[in-house]
Amino acid sequence: MSKDRSDEAHEILIKYHGEGENTVFVQAEFAEIQARVRHEIANSKRKWSELVKTPGNRKRVAIAACVGLFSQWSGNGLVS
């Protein structure tokens, strides 16, 4: 959809999710996907520096990094 091929995407949704018919479910799903793609395109213009601009964001980044680091140090893997 982000490449202006929304007609093809709609046809695929009709084929696989609507069993060949343009149902209300397919229309709702298509609208949801379009909204999500628009939202992602709008947010892709943000810079990575926004992660550390404010004190709150710096704390969140530090917490996320510490959680990942400490979980690796503790040895609690998915298998173990």
PDB file of N, CA and C in Angstrom:
ATOM      1  N   MET A   1       0.814  -1.189   0.000  1.00  0.00           N
ATOM      2  CA  MET A   1       0.000   0.000   0.000  1.00  0.00           C
ATOM      3  C   MET A   1       0.858   1.253   0.000  1.00  0.00           C
ATOM      4  N   SER A   2       2.016   1.191   0.620  1.00  0.00           N
ATOM      5  CA  SER A   2       2.867   2.371   0.645  1.00  0.00           C
ATOM      6  C   SER A   2       3.504   2.633  -0.711  1.00  0.00           C
ATOM      7  N   LYS A   3       3.411   1.695  -1.610  1.00  0.00           N
ATOM      8  CA  LYS A   3       3.975   1.837  -2.952  1.00  0.00           C
ATOM      9  C   LYS A   3       2.892   2.101  -3.997  1.00  0.00           C
ATOM     10  N   ASP A   4       1.748   2.608  -3.570  1.00  0.00           N
ATOM     11  CA  ASP A   4       0.611   2.913  -4.457  1.00  0.00           C
ATOM     12  C   ASP A   4       0.110   1.679  -5.198  1.00  0.00           C
ATOM     13  N   ARG A   5       0.052   0.562  -4.502  1.00  0.00           N
ATOM     14  CA  ARG A   5      -0.490  -0.671  -5.081  1.00  0.00           C
ATOM     15  C   ARG A   5      -1.652  -1.151  -4.218  1.00  0.00           C
ATOM     16  N   SER A   6      -2.461  -0.201  -3.772  1.00  0.00           N
ATOM     17  CA  SER A   6      -3.548  -0.532  -2.857  1.00  0.00           C
ATOM     18  C   SER A   6      -4.628  -1.374  -3.531  1.00  0.00           C
ATOM     19  N   ASP A   7      -4.811  -1.223  -4.835  1.00  0.00           N
ATOM     20  CA  ASP A   7      -5.807  -2.046  -5.530  1.00  0.00           C
ATOM     21  C   ASP A   7      -5.435  -3.529  -5.469  1.00  0.00           C
ATOM     22  N   GLU A   8      -4.152  -3.816  -5.661  1.00  0.00           N
ATOM     23  CA  GLU A   8      -3.694  -5.197  -5.588  1.00  0.00           C
ATOM     24  C   GLU A   8      -3.843  -5.746  -4.169  1.00  0.00           C
ATOM     25  N   ALA A   9      -3.535  -4.913  -3.189  1.00  0.00           N
ATOM     26  CA  ALA A   9      -3.663  -5.343  -1.797  1.00  0.00           C
ATOM     27  C   ALA A   9      -5.121  -5.618  -1.451  1.00  0.00           C
ATOM     28  N   HIS A  10      -6.007  -4.791  -1.946  1.00  0.00           N
ATOM     29  CA  HIS A  10      -7.437  -4.987  -1.691  1.00  0.00           C
ATOM     30  C   HIS A  10      -7.930  -6.279  -2.331  1.00  0.00           C
ATOM     31  N   GLU A  11      -7.468  -6.563  -3.520  1.00  0.00           N
ATOM     32  CA  GLU A  11      -7.849  -7.810  -4.194  1.00  0.00           C
ATOM     33  C   GLU A  11      -7.344  -9.037  -3.428  1.00  0.00           C
ATOM     34  N   ILE A  12      -6.158  -8.946  -2.882  1.00  0.00           N
ATOM     35  CA  ILE A  12      -5.622 -10.063  -2.095  1.00  0.00           C
ATOM     36  C   ILE A  12      -6.449 -10.275  -0.838  1.00  0.00           C
ATOM     37  N   LEU A  13      -6.832  -9.182  -0.181  1.00  0.00           N
ATOM     38  CA  LEU A  13      -7.687  -9.303   1.006  1.00  0.00           C
ATOM     39  C   LEU A  13      -9.037  -9.918   0.647  1.00  0.00           C
ATOM     40  N   ILE A  14      -9.580  -9.514  -0.471  1.00  0.00           N
ATOM     41  CA  ILE A  14     -10.853 -10.086  -0.909  1.00  0.00           C
ATOM     42  C   ILE A  14     -10.702 -11.583  -1.164  1.00  0.00           C
ATOM     43  N   LYS A  15      -9.609 -11.962  -1.804  1.00  0.00           N
ATOM     44  CA  LYS A  15      -9.398 -13.365  -2.152  1.00  0.00           C
ATOM     45  C   LYS A  15      -9.217 -14.243  -0.918  1.00  0.00           C
ATOM     46  N   TYR A  16      -8.380 -13.812   0.029  1.00  0.00           N
ATOM     47  CA  TYR A  16      -8.031 -14.676   1.145  1.00  0.00           C
ATOM     48  C   TYR A  16      -8.868 -14.459   2.411  1.00  0.00           C
ATOM     49  N   HIS A  17      -9.354 -13.245   2.621  1.00  0.00           N
ATOM     50  CA  HIS A  17     -10.100 -12.979   3.846  1.00  0.00           C
ATOM     51  C   HIS A  17     -11.595 -12.844   3.614  1.00  0.00           C
ATOM     52  N   GLY A  18     -11.977 -12.580   2.384  1.00  0.00           N
ATOM     53  CA  GLY A  18     -13.396 -12.438   2.100  1.00  0.00           C
ATOM     54  C   GLY A  18     -13.953 -13.573   1.275  1.00  0.00           C
ATOM     55  N   GLU A  19     -13.115 -14.572   1.002  1.00  0.00           N
ATOM     56  CA  GLU A  19     -13.498 -15.729   0.204  1.00  0.00           C
ATOM     57  C   GLU A  19     -14.111 -15.321  -1.134  1.00  0.00           C
ATOM     58  N   GLY A  20     -13.474 -14.311  -1.765  1.00  0.00           N
ATOM     59  CA  GLY A  20     -13.891 -13.880  -3.088  1.00  0.00           C
ATOM     60  C   GLY A  20     -14.937 -12.782  -3.106  1.00  0.00           C
ATOM     61  N   GLU A  21     -15.417 -12.354  -1.946  1.00  0.00           N
ATOM     62  CA  GLU A  21     -16.433 -11.302  -1.884  1.00  0.00           C
ATOM     63  C   GLU A  21     -15.898 -10.117  -1.084  1.00  0.00           C
ATOM     64  N   ASN A  22     -16.310  -8.940  -1.479  1.00  0.00           N
ATOM     65  CA  ASN A  22     -15.910  -7.725  -0.793  1.00  0.00           C
ATOM     66  C   ASN A  22     -16.844  -7.513   0.400  1.00  0.00           C
ATOM     67  N   THR A  23     -16.538  -8.166   1.501  1.00  0.00           N
ATOM     68  CA  THR A  23     -17.403  -8.124   2.675  1.00  0.00           C
ATOM     69  C   THR A  23     -17.085  -6.900   3.535  1.00  0.00           C
ATOM     70  N   VAL A  24     -17.904  -6.697   4.534  1.00  0.00           N
ATOM     71  CA  VAL A  24     -17.695  -5.595   5.476  1.00  0.00           C
ATOM     72  C   VAL A  24     -16.387  -5.808   6.239  1.00  0.00           C
ATOM     73  N   PHE A  25     -16.095  -7.056   6.560  1.00  0.00           N
ATOM     74  CA  PHE A  25     -14.845  -7.375   7.253  1.00  0.00           C
ATOM     75  C   PHE A  25     -13.642  -6.977   6.414  1.00  0.00           C
ATOM     76  N   VAL A  26     -13.670  -7.290   5.129  1.00  0.00           N
ATOM     77  CA  VAL A  26     -12.552  -6.953   4.234  1.00  0.00           C
ATOM     78  C   VAL A  26     -12.405  -5.438   4.134  1.00  0.00           C
ATOM     79  N   GLN A  27     -13.505  -4.730   4.033  1.00  0.00           N
ATOM     80  CA  GLN A  27     -13.450  -3.269   3.943  1.00  0.00           C
ATOM     81  C   GLN A  27     -12.873  -2.661   5.218  1.00  0.00           C
ATOM     82  N   ALA A  28     -13.293  -3.182   6.364  1.00  0.00           N
ATOM     83  CA  ALA A  28     -12.784  -2.675   7.637  1.00  0.00           C
ATOM     84  C   ALA A  28     -11.298  -2.975   7.793  1.00  0.00           C
ATOM     85  N   GLU A  29     -10.916  -4.177   7.403  1.00  0.00           N
ATOM     86  CA  GLU A  29      -9.512  -4.565   7.494  1.00  0.00           C
ATOM     87  C   GLU A  29      -8.650  -3.714   6.565  1.00  0.00           C
ATOM     88  N   PHE A  30      -9.140  -3.459   5.374  1.00  0.00           N
ATOM     89  CA  PHE A  30      -8.414  -2.643   4.402  1.00  0.00           C
ATOM     90  C   PHE A  30      -8.259  -1.215   4.920  1.00  0.00           C
ATOM     91  N   ALA A  31      -9.319  -0.662   5.497  1.00  0.00           N
ATOM     92  CA  ALA A  31      -9.250   0.688   6.049  1.00  0.00           C
ATOM     93  C   ALA A  31      -8.267   0.748   7.210  1.00  0.00           C
ATOM     94  N   GLU A  32      -8.249  -0.287   8.037  1.00  0.00           N
ATOM     95  CA  GLU A  32      -7.321  -0.341   9.167  1.00  0.00           C
ATOM     96  C   GLU A  32      -5.879  -0.410   8.687  1.00  0.00           C
ATOM     97  N   ILE A  33      -5.633  -1.204   7.679  1.00  0.00           N
ATOM     98  CA  ILE A  33      -4.271  -1.328   7.131  1.00  0.00           C
ATOM     99  C   ILE A  33      -3.832  -0.004   6.520  1.00  0.00           C
ATOM    100  N   GLN A  34      -4.716   0.653   5.786  1.00  0.00           N
ATOM    101  CA  GLN A  34      -4.369   1.940   5.190  1.00  0.00           C
ATOM    102  C   GLN A  34      -4.043   2.977   6.260  1.00  0.00           C
ATOM    103  N   ALA A  35      -4.837   3.004   7.315  1.00  0.00           N
ATOM    104  CA  ALA A  35      -4.584   3.961   8.400  1.00  0.00           C
ATOM    105  C   ALA A  35      -3.245   3.680   9.058  1.00  0.00           C
ATOM    106  N   ARG A  36      -2.929   2.416   9.256  1.00  0.00           N
ATOM    107  CA  ARG A  36      -1.667   2.039   9.897  1.00  0.00           C
ATOM    108  C   ARG A  36      -0.473   2.413   9.034  1.00  0.00           C
ATOM    109  N   VAL A  37      -0.582   2.198   7.729  1.00  0.00           N
ATOM    110  CA  VAL A  37       0.514   2.550   6.822  1.00  0.00           C
ATOM    111  C   VAL A  37       0.720   4.062   6.818  1.00  0.00           C
ATOM    112  N   ARG A  38      -0.371   4.827   6.784  1.00  0.00           N
ATOM    113  CA  ARG A  38      -0.257   6.288   6.841  1.00  0.00           C
ATOM    114  C   ARG A  38       0.417   6.731   8.143  1.00  0.00           C
ATOM    115  N   HIS A  39       0.035   6.103   9.236  1.00  0.00           N
ATOM    116  CA  HIS A  39       0.611   6.439  10.539  1.00  0.00           C
ATOM    117  C   HIS A  39       2.105   6.127  10.571  1.00  0.00           C
ATOM    118  N   GLU A  40       2.502   4.988  10.032  1.00  0.00           N
ATOM    119  CA  GLU A  40       3.909   4.611  10.025  1.00  0.00           C
ATOM    120  C   GLU A  40       4.730   5.537   9.133  1.00  0.00           C
ATOM    121  N   ILE A  41       4.171   5.954   8.016  1.00  0.00           N
ATOM    122  CA  ILE A  41       4.887   6.878   7.132  1.00  0.00           C
ATOM    123  C   ILE A  41       5.073   8.221   7.825  1.00  0.00           C
ATOM    124  N   ALA A  42       4.040   8.681   8.519  1.00  0.00           N
ATOM    125  CA  ALA A  42       4.146   9.958   9.227  1.00  0.00           C
ATOM    126  C   ALA A  42       5.170   9.886  10.348  1.00  0.00           C
ATOM    127  N   ASN A  43       5.248   8.756  11.049  1.00  0.00           N
ATOM    128  CA  ASN A  43       6.186   8.628  12.157  1.00  0.00           C
ATOM    129  C   ASN A  43       7.599   8.274  11.711  1.00  0.00           C
ATOM    130  N   SER A  44       7.767   7.873  10.467  1.00  0.00           N
ATOM    131  CA  SER A  44       9.114   7.530  10.008  1.00  0.00           C
ATOM    132  C   SER A  44       9.966   8.772   9.819  1.00  0.00           C
ATOM    133  N   LYS A  45       9.361   9.940   9.883  1.00  0.00           N
ATOM    134  CA  LYS A  45      10.100  11.185   9.714  1.00  0.00           C
ATOM    135  C   LYS A  45      10.719  11.659  11.019  1.00  0.00           C
ATOM    136  N   ARG A  46      10.469  10.949  12.101  1.00  0.00           N
ATOM    137  CA  ARG A  46      11.054  11.319  13.382  1.00  0.00           C
ATOM    138  C   ARG A  46      12.510  10.884  13.426  1.00  0.00           C
ATOM    139  N   LYS A  47      13.271  11.574  14.255  1.00  0.00           N
ATOM    140  CA  LYS A  47      14.698  11.274  14.374  1.00  0.00           C
ATOM    141  C   LYS A  47      14.956  10.423  15.610  1.00  0.00           C
ATOM    142  N   TRP A  48      16.053   9.688  15.569  1.00  0.00           N
ATOM    143  CA  TRP A  48      16.431   8.843  16.697  1.00  0.00           C
ATOM    144  C   TRP A  48      16.816   9.690  17.900  1.00  0.00           C
ATOM    145  N   SER A  49      17.201  10.923  17.667  1.00  0.00           N
ATOM    146  CA  SER A  49      17.618  11.775  18.783  1.00  0.00           C
ATOM    147  C   SER A  49      16.459  12.090  19.722  1.00  0.00           C
ATOM    148  N   GLU A  50      15.225  11.873  19.280  1.00  0.00           N
ATOM    149  CA  GLU A  50      14.066  12.106  20.144  1.00  0.00           C
ATOM    150  C   GLU A  50      14.043  11.147  21.329  1.00  0.00           C
ATOM    151  N   LEU A  51      14.758  10.025  21.215  1.00  0.00           N
ATOM    152  CA  LEU A  51      14.801   9.072  22.316  1.00  0.00           C
ATOM    153  C   LEU A  51      15.502   9.637  23.549  1.00  0.00           C
ATOM    154  N   VAL A  52      16.415  10.565  23.350  1.00  0.00           N
ATOM    155  CA  VAL A  52      17.190  11.077  24.479  1.00  0.00           C
ATOM    156  C   VAL A  52      17.015  12.580  24.690  1.00  0.00           C
ATOM    157  N   LYS A  53      16.037  13.192  24.060  1.00  0.00           N
ATOM    158  CA  LYS A  53      15.851  14.638  24.198  1.00  0.00           C
ATOM    159  C   LYS A  53      15.336  15.036  25.576  1.00  0.00           C
ATOM    160  N   THR A  54      14.382  14.305  26.100  1.00  0.00           N
ATOM    161  CA  THR A  54      13.774  14.689  27.367  1.00  0.00           C
ATOM    162  C   THR A  54      14.244  13.750  28.481  1.00  0.00           C
ATOM    163  N   PRO A  55      14.213  14.226  29.719  1.00  0.00           N
ATOM    164  CA  PRO A  55      14.629  13.357  30.830  1.00  0.00           C
ATOM    165  C   PRO A  55      13.777  12.095  30.951  1.00  0.00           C
ATOM    166  N   GLY A  56      12.481  12.210  30.695  1.00  0.00           N
ATOM    167  CA  GLY A  56      11.615  11.033  30.766  1.00  0.00           C
ATOM    168  C   GLY A  56      11.992   9.976  29.748  1.00  0.00           C
ATOM    169  N   ASN A  57      12.291  10.408  28.531  1.00  0.00           N
ATOM    170  CA  ASN A  57      12.689   9.454  27.494  1.00  0.00           C
ATOM    171  C   ASN A  57      14.039   8.830  27.809  1.00  0.00           C
ATOM    172  N   ARG A  58      14.959   9.613  28.379  1.00  0.00           N
ATOM    173  CA  ARG A  58      16.266   9.055  28.748  1.00  0.00           C
ATOM    174  C   ARG A  58      16.104   7.969  29.809  1.00  0.00           C
ATOM    175  N   LYS A  59      15.221   8.205  30.764  1.00  0.00           N
ATOM    176  CA  LYS A  59      14.975   7.197  31.800  1.00  0.00           C
ATOM    177  C   LYS A  59      14.369   5.934  31.200  1.00  0.00           C
ATOM    178  N   ARG A  60      13.437   6.089  30.275  1.00  0.00           N
ATOM    179  CA  ARG A  60      12.807   4.928  29.647  1.00  0.00           C
ATOM    180  C   ARG A  60      13.816   4.114  28.846  1.00  0.00           C
ATOM    181  N   VAL A  61      14.696   4.807  28.121  1.00  0.00           N
ATOM    182  CA  VAL A  61      15.724   4.111  27.342  1.00  0.00           C
ATOM    183  C   VAL A  61      16.677   3.373  28.279  1.00  0.00           C
ATOM    184  N   ALA A  62      17.050   4.011  29.386  1.00  0.00           N
ATOM    185  CA  ALA A  62      17.953   3.370  30.345  1.00  0.00           C
ATOM    186  C   ALA A  62      17.296   2.144  30.969  1.00  0.00           C
ATOM    187  N   ILE A  63      16.025   2.245  31.315  1.00  0.00           N
ATOM    188  CA  ILE A  63      15.323   1.094  31.893  1.00  0.00           C
ATOM    189  C   ILE A  63      15.244  -0.049  30.894  1.00  0.00           C
ATOM    190  N   ALA A  64      14.903   0.259  29.652  1.00  0.00           N
ATOM    191  CA  ALA A  64      14.807  -0.785  28.635  1.00  0.00           C
ATOM    192  C   ALA A  64      16.164  -1.453  28.405  1.00  0.00           C
ATOM    193  N   ALA A  65      17.224  -0.662  28.377  1.00  0.00           N
ATOM    194  CA  ALA A  65      18.561  -1.231  28.187  1.00  0.00           C
ATOM    195  C   ALA A  65      18.957  -2.099  29.381  1.00  0.00           C
ATOM    196  N   CYS A  66      18.649  -1.628  30.587  1.00  0.00           N
ATOM    197  CA  CYS A  66      19.006  -2.393  31.798  1.00  0.00           C
ATOM    198  C   CYS A  66      18.226  -3.708  31.873  1.00  0.00           C
ATOM    199  N   VAL A  67      16.966  -3.693  31.514  1.00  0.00           N
ATOM    200  CA  VAL A  67      16.175  -4.924  31.543  1.00  0.00           C
ATOM    201  C   VAL A  67      16.776  -5.959  30.595  1.00  0.00           C
ATOM    202  N   GLY A  68      17.125  -5.542  29.403  1.00  0.00           N
ATOM    203  CA  GLY A  68      17.740  -6.465  28.448  1.00  0.00           C
ATOM    204  C   GLY A  68      19.085  -6.966  28.921  1.00  0.00           C
ATOM    205  N   LEU A  69      19.904  -6.067  29.444  1.00  0.00           N
ATOM    206  CA  LEU A  69      21.229  -6.434  29.917  1.00  0.00           C
ATOM    207  C   LEU A  69      21.150  -7.376  31.118  1.00  0.00           C
ATOM    208  N   PHE A  70      20.328  -7.039  32.100  1.00  0.00           N
ATOM    209  CA  PHE A  70      20.235  -7.860  33.304  1.00  0.00           C
ATOM    210  C   PHE A  70      19.609  -9.227  33.029  1.00  0.00           C
ATOM    211  N   SER A  71      18.679  -9.295  32.101  1.00  0.00           N
ATOM    212  CA  SER A  71      18.087 -10.599  31.789  1.00  0.00           C
ATOM    213  C   SER A  71      19.110 -11.510  31.105  1.00  0.00           C
ATOM    214  N   GLN A  72      20.020 -10.924  30.356  1.00  0.00           N
ATOM    215  CA  GLN A  72      21.087 -11.729  29.751  1.00  0.00           C
ATOM    216  C   GLN A  72      22.097 -12.166  30.806  1.00  0.00           C
ATOM    217  N   TRP A  73      22.402 -11.303  31.757  1.00  0.00           N
ATOM    218  CA  TRP A  73      23.361 -11.624  32.810  1.00  0.00           C
ATOM    219  C   TRP A  73      22.840 -12.715  33.738  1.00  0.00           C
ATOM    220  N   SER A  74      21.545 -12.727  33.962  1.00  0.00           N
ATOM    221  CA  SER A  74      21.012 -13.679  34.932  1.00  0.00           C
ATOM    222  C   SER A  74      21.004 -15.109  34.396  1.00  0.00           C
ATOM    223  N   GLY A  75      21.091 -15.278  33.100  1.00  0.00           N
ATOM    224  CA  GLY A  75      21.138 -16.611  32.519  1.00  0.00           C
ATOM    225  C   GLY A  75      19.795 -17.251  32.331  1.00  0.00           C
ATOM    226  N   ASN A  76      18.728 -16.497  32.507  1.00  0.00           N
ATOM    227  CA  ASN A  76      17.388 -17.038  32.317  1.00  0.00           C
ATOM    228  C   ASN A  76      17.005 -16.944  30.844  1.00  0.00           C
ATOM    229  N   GLY A  77      17.409 -17.902  30.086  1.00  0.00           N
ATOM    230  CA  GLY A  77      17.080 -17.927  28.682  1.00  0.00           C
ATOM    231  C   GLY A  77      15.732 -18.572  28.447  1.00  0.00           C
ATOM    232  N   LEU A  78      15.303 -18.557  27.223  1.00  0.00           N
ATOM    233  CA  LEU A  78      14.021 -19.130  26.863  1.00  0.00           C
ATOM    234  C   LEU A  78      14.013 -20.640  27.100  1.00  0.00           C
ATOM    235  N   VAL A  79      15.105 -21.305  26.781  1.00  0.00           N
ATOM    236  CA  VAL A  79      15.184 -22.747  26.907  1.00  0.00           C
ATOM    237  C   VAL A  79      15.402 -23.169  28.362  1.00  0.00           C
ATOM    238  N   SER A  80      16.215 -22.420  29.080  1.00  0.00           N
ATOM    239  CA  SER A  80      16.528 -22.805  30.458  1.00  0.00           C
ATOM    240  C   SER A  80      15.380 -22.397  31.360  1.00  0.00           C
TER     241      SER A  80
END
